[in-house]
């Protein structure tokens, strides 16, 4: 089965005083999904489709991201979170910024071959 991408969203999140990559990543994901309303997903579910939600989040310390915590920011679909090197540690500050890219694809069951 192949999945067709339908949505690509971007978000930014900041942890102002804690340098917590997970907190900034959660805020970036939350920011991204707040930009969209996707009513066609009800139709996807009614037709047996599966939403595949792929999150790539850039942070200064990807190994510190608690993937399960970030995953809980997404209310629907089969969610995959991949932290990568990126974002920004603000010089002279205890602030860091995370950037998230979220791709939502839809996968439908294959029709039986005749």
N, C-alpha and C. Protein backbone atom coordinates (compact mmCIF):
# COMPACT_ATOMS: atom_id res chain seq x y z
N UNK A 1 0.84 -1.19 0.00
CA UNK A 1 0.00 0.00 0.00
C UNK A 1 0.88 1.25 0.00
N UNK A 2 0.47 2.22 -0.76
CA UNK A 2 1.19 3.49 -0.73
C UNK A 2 0.28 4.55 -0.13
N UNK A 3 0.90 5.55 0.42
CA UNK A 3 0.15 6.63 1.06
C UNK A 3 0.33 7.90 0.23
N UNK A 4 -0.77 8.61 0.05
CA UNK A 4 -0.73 9.88 -0.69
C UNK A 4 -0.67 11.02 0.32
N UNK A 5 0.33 11.92 0.20
CA UNK A 5 0.39 13.06 1.11
C UNK A 5 -0.68 14.08 0.77
N UNK A 6 -1.36 14.60 1.79
CA UNK A 6 -2.43 15.57 1.61
C UNK A 6 -2.14 16.91 2.28
N UNK A 7 -1.37 16.90 3.36
CA UNK A 7 -1.18 18.12 4.15
C UNK A 7 0.29 18.23 4.54
N UNK A 8 0.81 19.44 4.45
CA UNK A 8 2.14 19.75 4.96
C UNK A 8 2.01 21.03 5.76
N UNK A 9 2.34 20.96 7.03
CA UNK A 9 2.23 22.13 7.91
C UNK A 9 3.57 22.36 8.62
N UNK A 10 3.78 23.61 9.03
CA UNK A 10 5.01 23.98 9.71
C UNK A 10 4.66 24.74 10.98
N UNK A 11 5.51 24.58 11.98
CA UNK A 11 5.29 25.31 13.22
C UNK A 11 6.61 25.61 13.92
N UNK A 12 6.56 26.55 14.83
CA UNK A 12 7.71 26.92 15.62
C UNK A 12 7.31 26.94 17.08
N UNK A 13 8.19 26.44 17.94
CA UNK A 13 7.93 26.46 19.37
C UNK A 13 9.16 26.90 20.13
N UNK A 14 8.94 27.57 21.24
CA UNK A 14 10.04 28.15 22.01
C UNK A 14 9.92 27.72 23.46
N UNK A 15 11.04 27.31 24.05
CA UNK A 15 11.13 27.19 25.50
C UNK A 15 11.97 28.38 25.95
N UNK A 16 11.33 29.33 26.59
CA UNK A 16 11.96 30.63 26.85
C UNK A 16 13.05 30.56 27.91
N UNK A 17 12.86 29.77 28.97
CA UNK A 17 13.85 29.80 30.05
C UNK A 17 14.35 28.44 30.49
N UNK A 18 13.99 27.36 29.80
CA UNK A 18 14.37 26.06 30.32
C UNK A 18 15.29 25.25 29.46
N UNK A 19 15.53 25.67 28.22
CA UNK A 19 16.33 24.91 27.27
C UNK A 19 15.85 23.46 27.18
N UNK A 20 14.53 23.27 27.21
CA UNK A 20 13.92 21.94 27.17
C UNK A 20 13.47 21.67 25.73
N UNK A 21 14.21 20.81 25.03
CA UNK A 21 13.91 20.52 23.63
C UNK A 21 12.54 19.87 23.47
N UNK A 22 12.12 19.04 24.43
CA UNK A 22 10.81 18.40 24.33
C UNK A 22 9.70 19.43 24.43
N UNK A 23 9.82 20.36 25.36
CA UNK A 23 8.80 21.40 25.51
C UNK A 23 8.71 22.26 24.25
N UNK A 24 9.85 22.65 23.71
CA UNK A 24 9.86 23.45 22.48
C UNK A 24 9.29 22.65 21.31
N UNK A 25 9.62 21.36 21.23
CA UNK A 25 9.10 20.51 20.16
C UNK A 25 7.59 20.38 20.25
N UNK A 26 7.06 20.18 21.46
CA UNK A 26 5.60 20.10 21.65
C UNK A 26 4.93 21.39 21.21
N UNK A 27 5.53 22.51 21.54
CA UNK A 27 4.95 23.79 21.16
C UNK A 27 5.01 24.00 19.65
N UNK A 28 6.06 23.52 19.00
CA UNK A 28 6.16 23.64 17.54
C UNK A 28 5.09 22.80 16.86
N UNK A 29 4.88 21.59 17.36
CA UNK A 29 3.84 20.72 16.79
C UNK A 29 2.47 21.32 17.01
N UNK A 30 2.22 21.81 18.22
CA UNK A 30 0.94 22.44 18.53
C UNK A 30 0.71 23.64 17.63
N UNK A 31 1.74 24.44 17.42
CA UNK A 31 1.63 25.61 16.54
C UNK A 31 1.27 25.17 15.12
N UNK A 32 1.89 24.13 14.63
CA UNK A 32 1.63 23.67 13.26
C UNK A 32 0.20 23.19 13.08
N UNK A 33 -0.31 22.41 14.00
CA UNK A 33 -1.65 21.86 13.79
C UNK A 33 -2.75 22.87 14.04
N UNK A 34 -2.45 23.96 14.69
CA UNK A 34 -3.45 24.99 14.94
C UNK A 34 -3.72 25.84 13.70
N UNK A 35 -2.93 25.63 12.64
CA UNK A 35 -3.10 26.40 11.41
C UNK A 35 -4.11 25.77 10.47
N UNK A 36 -4.60 24.58 10.79
CA UNK A 36 -5.42 23.84 9.83
C UNK A 36 -6.69 23.30 10.46
N UNK A 37 -7.70 23.21 9.63
CA UNK A 37 -8.89 22.43 9.94
C UNK A 37 -9.04 21.48 8.77
N UNK A 38 -9.08 20.19 9.05
CA UNK A 38 -9.03 19.20 8.00
C UNK A 38 -10.27 18.31 8.03
N UNK A 39 -11.41 18.84 7.56
CA UNK A 39 -12.66 18.09 7.65
C UNK A 39 -12.71 16.84 6.78
N UNK A 40 -11.85 16.73 5.77
CA UNK A 40 -11.90 15.56 4.90
C UNK A 40 -11.45 14.28 5.59
N UNK A 41 -10.83 14.40 6.78
CA UNK A 41 -10.37 13.19 7.46
C UNK A 41 -11.52 12.33 7.98
N UNK A 42 -12.68 12.91 8.22
CA UNK A 42 -13.84 12.10 8.60
C UNK A 42 -14.20 11.18 7.44
N UNK A 43 -14.15 11.70 6.23
CA UNK A 43 -14.43 10.89 5.05
C UNK A 43 -13.39 9.78 4.89
N UNK A 44 -12.14 10.09 5.19
CA UNK A 44 -11.07 9.09 5.11
C UNK A 44 -11.38 7.92 6.04
N UNK A 45 -11.74 8.23 7.28
CA UNK A 45 -12.05 7.18 8.25
C UNK A 45 -13.26 6.36 7.80
N UNK A 46 -14.28 7.04 7.26
CA UNK A 46 -15.49 6.34 6.82
C UNK A 46 -15.21 5.38 5.67
N UNK A 47 -14.17 5.64 4.90
CA UNK A 47 -13.83 4.78 3.76
C UNK A 47 -12.66 3.84 4.08
N UNK A 48 -12.37 3.66 5.35
CA UNK A 48 -11.36 2.70 5.76
C UNK A 48 -9.93 3.16 5.60
N UNK A 49 -9.74 4.44 5.39
CA UNK A 49 -8.39 4.96 5.23
C UNK A 49 -7.70 5.14 6.57
N UNK A 50 -6.41 5.24 6.51
CA UNK A 50 -5.58 5.47 7.70
C UNK A 50 -4.80 6.75 7.50
N UNK A 51 -4.82 7.62 8.52
CA UNK A 51 -4.02 8.83 8.48
C UNK A 51 -2.63 8.52 9.04
N UNK A 52 -1.63 8.86 8.27
CA UNK A 52 -0.24 8.68 8.70
C UNK A 52 0.33 10.07 8.93
N UNK A 53 0.72 10.35 10.16
CA UNK A 53 1.20 11.67 10.53
C UNK A 53 2.69 11.56 10.83
N UNK A 54 3.50 12.19 9.98
CA UNK A 54 4.95 12.16 10.14
C UNK A 54 5.44 13.52 10.60
N UNK A 55 6.09 13.54 11.75
CA UNK A 55 6.59 14.78 12.33
C UNK A 55 8.11 14.75 12.32
N UNK A 56 8.70 15.78 11.74
CA UNK A 56 10.14 16.00 11.86
C UNK A 56 10.31 17.28 12.64
N UNK A 57 11.05 17.20 13.72
CA UNK A 57 11.23 18.39 14.56
C UNK A 57 12.72 18.64 14.74
N UNK A 58 13.14 19.87 14.37
CA UNK A 58 14.53 20.27 14.50
C UNK A 58 14.76 20.98 15.82
N UNK A 59 15.69 20.44 16.59
CA UNK A 59 16.04 21.01 17.90
C UNK A 59 17.55 20.93 18.08
N UNK A 60 18.11 21.77 18.96
CA UNK A 60 19.56 21.74 19.16
C UNK A 60 20.08 20.40 19.71
N UNK A 61 19.27 19.69 20.48
CA UNK A 61 19.71 18.42 21.07
C UNK A 61 18.65 17.34 20.82
N UNK A 62 18.63 16.74 19.62
CA UNK A 62 17.57 15.79 19.27
C UNK A 62 17.48 14.59 20.20
N UNK A 63 18.58 14.15 20.75
CA UNK A 63 18.57 12.97 21.64
C UNK A 63 17.79 13.23 22.92
N UNK A 64 17.60 14.49 23.28
CA UNK A 64 16.89 14.81 24.53
C UNK A 64 15.38 14.85 24.37
N UNK A 65 14.89 14.76 23.14
CA UNK A 65 13.44 14.86 22.91
C UNK A 65 12.74 13.58 23.34
N UNK A 66 11.73 13.73 24.15
CA UNK A 66 10.89 12.61 24.58
C UNK A 66 9.81 12.43 23.52
N UNK A 67 10.05 11.51 22.60
CA UNK A 67 9.21 11.32 21.43
C UNK A 67 7.76 11.01 21.83
N UNK A 68 7.56 10.21 22.86
CA UNK A 68 6.19 9.86 23.28
C UNK A 68 5.42 11.08 23.75
N UNK A 69 6.11 12.03 24.38
CA UNK A 69 5.45 13.26 24.83
C UNK A 69 5.04 14.11 23.63
N UNK A 70 5.92 14.25 22.66
CA UNK A 70 5.61 15.02 21.45
C UNK A 70 4.47 14.35 20.68
N UNK A 71 4.50 13.03 20.60
CA UNK A 71 3.45 12.28 19.87
C UNK A 71 2.06 12.60 20.42
N UNK A 72 1.95 12.82 21.72
CA UNK A 72 0.64 13.09 22.33
C UNK A 72 0.06 14.44 21.91
N UNK A 73 0.84 15.29 21.27
CA UNK A 73 0.33 16.57 20.77
C UNK A 73 -0.60 16.38 19.57
N UNK A 74 -0.51 15.24 18.91
CA UNK A 74 -1.30 14.98 17.70
C UNK A 74 -2.53 14.17 18.06
N UNK A 75 -3.72 14.70 17.76
CA UNK A 75 -4.96 14.05 18.21
C UNK A 75 -5.43 12.87 17.36
N UNK A 76 -4.90 12.72 16.14
CA UNK A 76 -5.42 11.68 15.25
C UNK A 76 -4.29 11.04 14.46
N UNK A 77 -4.55 9.83 14.00
CA UNK A 77 -3.66 9.17 13.07
C UNK A 77 -2.58 8.35 13.73
N UNK A 78 -1.84 7.65 12.87
CA UNK A 78 -0.67 6.90 13.30
C UNK A 78 0.52 7.85 13.21
N UNK A 79 1.04 8.24 14.37
CA UNK A 79 2.01 9.33 14.45
C UNK A 79 3.43 8.79 14.60
N UNK A 80 4.33 9.33 13.77
CA UNK A 80 5.75 9.06 13.87
C UNK A 80 6.46 10.38 14.11
N UNK A 81 7.32 10.42 15.13
CA UNK A 81 8.07 11.64 15.46
C UNK A 81 9.55 11.36 15.27
N UNK A 82 10.22 12.25 14.53
CA UNK A 82 11.65 12.09 14.28
C UNK A 82 12.36 13.40 14.64
N UNK A 83 13.05 13.43 15.79
CA UNK A 83 13.85 14.61 16.13
C UNK A 83 15.15 14.62 15.32
N UNK A 84 15.49 15.80 14.82
CA UNK A 84 16.74 15.96 14.05
C UNK A 84 17.47 17.20 14.56
N UNK A 85 18.74 17.29 14.21
CA UNK A 85 19.52 18.48 14.58
C UNK A 85 18.98 19.69 13.85
N UNK A 86 18.77 20.76 14.58
CA UNK A 86 18.25 21.98 13.98
C UNK A 86 17.81 22.93 15.06
N UNK A 87 16.83 23.74 14.74
CA UNK A 87 16.36 24.71 15.70
C UNK A 87 17.43 25.74 16.00
N UNK A 88 17.32 26.35 17.16
CA UNK A 88 18.25 27.41 17.52
C UNK A 88 18.37 27.51 19.03
N UNK A 89 19.60 27.55 19.50
CA UNK A 89 19.88 27.89 20.88
C UNK A 89 20.26 29.37 20.83
N UNK A 90 19.43 30.24 21.41
CA UNK A 90 19.63 31.68 21.29
C UNK A 90 20.89 32.09 22.06
N UNK A 91 21.85 32.72 21.38
CA UNK A 91 23.10 33.12 22.04
C UNK A 91 22.84 34.08 23.20
N UNK A 92 23.55 33.86 24.29
CA UNK A 92 23.45 34.74 25.45
C UNK A 92 22.14 34.60 26.20
N UNK A 93 21.43 33.48 26.02
CA UNK A 93 20.11 33.31 26.61
C UNK A 93 19.91 31.84 26.97
N UNK A 94 18.91 31.59 27.79
CA UNK A 94 18.56 30.20 28.07
C UNK A 94 17.32 29.79 27.28
N UNK A 95 17.15 30.40 26.10
CA UNK A 95 16.01 30.16 25.22
C UNK A 95 16.44 29.27 24.06
N UNK A 96 15.55 28.35 23.68
CA UNK A 96 15.79 27.58 22.47
C UNK A 96 14.52 27.50 21.65
N UNK A 97 14.70 27.32 20.36
CA UNK A 97 13.60 27.30 19.41
C UNK A 97 13.62 25.97 18.65
N UNK A 98 12.45 25.38 18.51
CA UNK A 98 12.28 24.15 17.72
C UNK A 98 11.44 24.48 16.49
N UNK A 99 11.72 23.80 15.40
CA UNK A 99 10.93 23.94 14.17
C UNK A 99 10.36 22.56 13.82
N UNK A 100 9.08 22.52 13.49
CA UNK A 100 8.43 21.25 13.15
C UNK A 100 7.85 21.30 11.75
N UNK A 101 7.97 20.18 11.05
CA UNK A 101 7.31 19.97 9.77
C UNK A 101 6.45 18.73 9.94
N UNK A 102 5.17 18.86 9.63
CA UNK A 102 4.23 17.75 9.78
C UNK A 102 3.64 17.42 8.41
N UNK A 103 3.77 16.18 8.01
CA UNK A 103 3.17 15.70 6.78
C UNK A 103 2.09 14.70 7.14
N UNK A 104 0.89 14.92 6.61
CA UNK A 104 -0.22 13.99 6.83
C UNK A 104 -0.52 13.31 5.50
N UNK A 105 -0.43 12.00 5.51
CA UNK A 105 -0.72 11.21 4.33
C UNK A 105 -1.91 10.31 4.63
N UNK A 106 -2.53 9.84 3.58
CA UNK A 106 -3.67 8.93 3.74
C UNK A 106 -3.36 7.64 3.00
N UNK A 107 -3.62 6.56 3.67
CA UNK A 107 -3.42 5.24 3.08
C UNK A 107 -4.76 4.51 3.09
N UNK A 108 -5.15 4.01 1.93
CA UNK A 108 -6.40 3.25 1.82
C UNK A 108 -6.06 1.78 1.64
N UNK A 109 -6.94 0.91 2.13
CA UNK A 109 -6.71 -0.51 1.91
C UNK A 109 -6.72 -0.81 0.41
N UNK A 110 -5.91 -1.78 0.03
CA UNK A 110 -5.88 -2.14 -1.39
C UNK A 110 -7.16 -2.87 -1.76
N UNK A 111 -7.61 -2.57 -2.95
CA UNK A 111 -8.76 -3.29 -3.49
C UNK A 111 -8.30 -4.68 -3.88
N UNK A 112 -9.10 -5.70 -3.61
CA UNK A 112 -8.70 -7.04 -4.03
C UNK A 112 -8.59 -7.12 -5.55
N UNK A 113 -7.56 -7.80 -6.02
CA UNK A 113 -7.39 -7.96 -7.47
C UNK A 113 -8.33 -9.04 -7.97
N UNK A 114 -8.85 -8.83 -9.15
CA UNK A 114 -9.79 -9.81 -9.73
C UNK A 114 -9.15 -10.54 -10.87
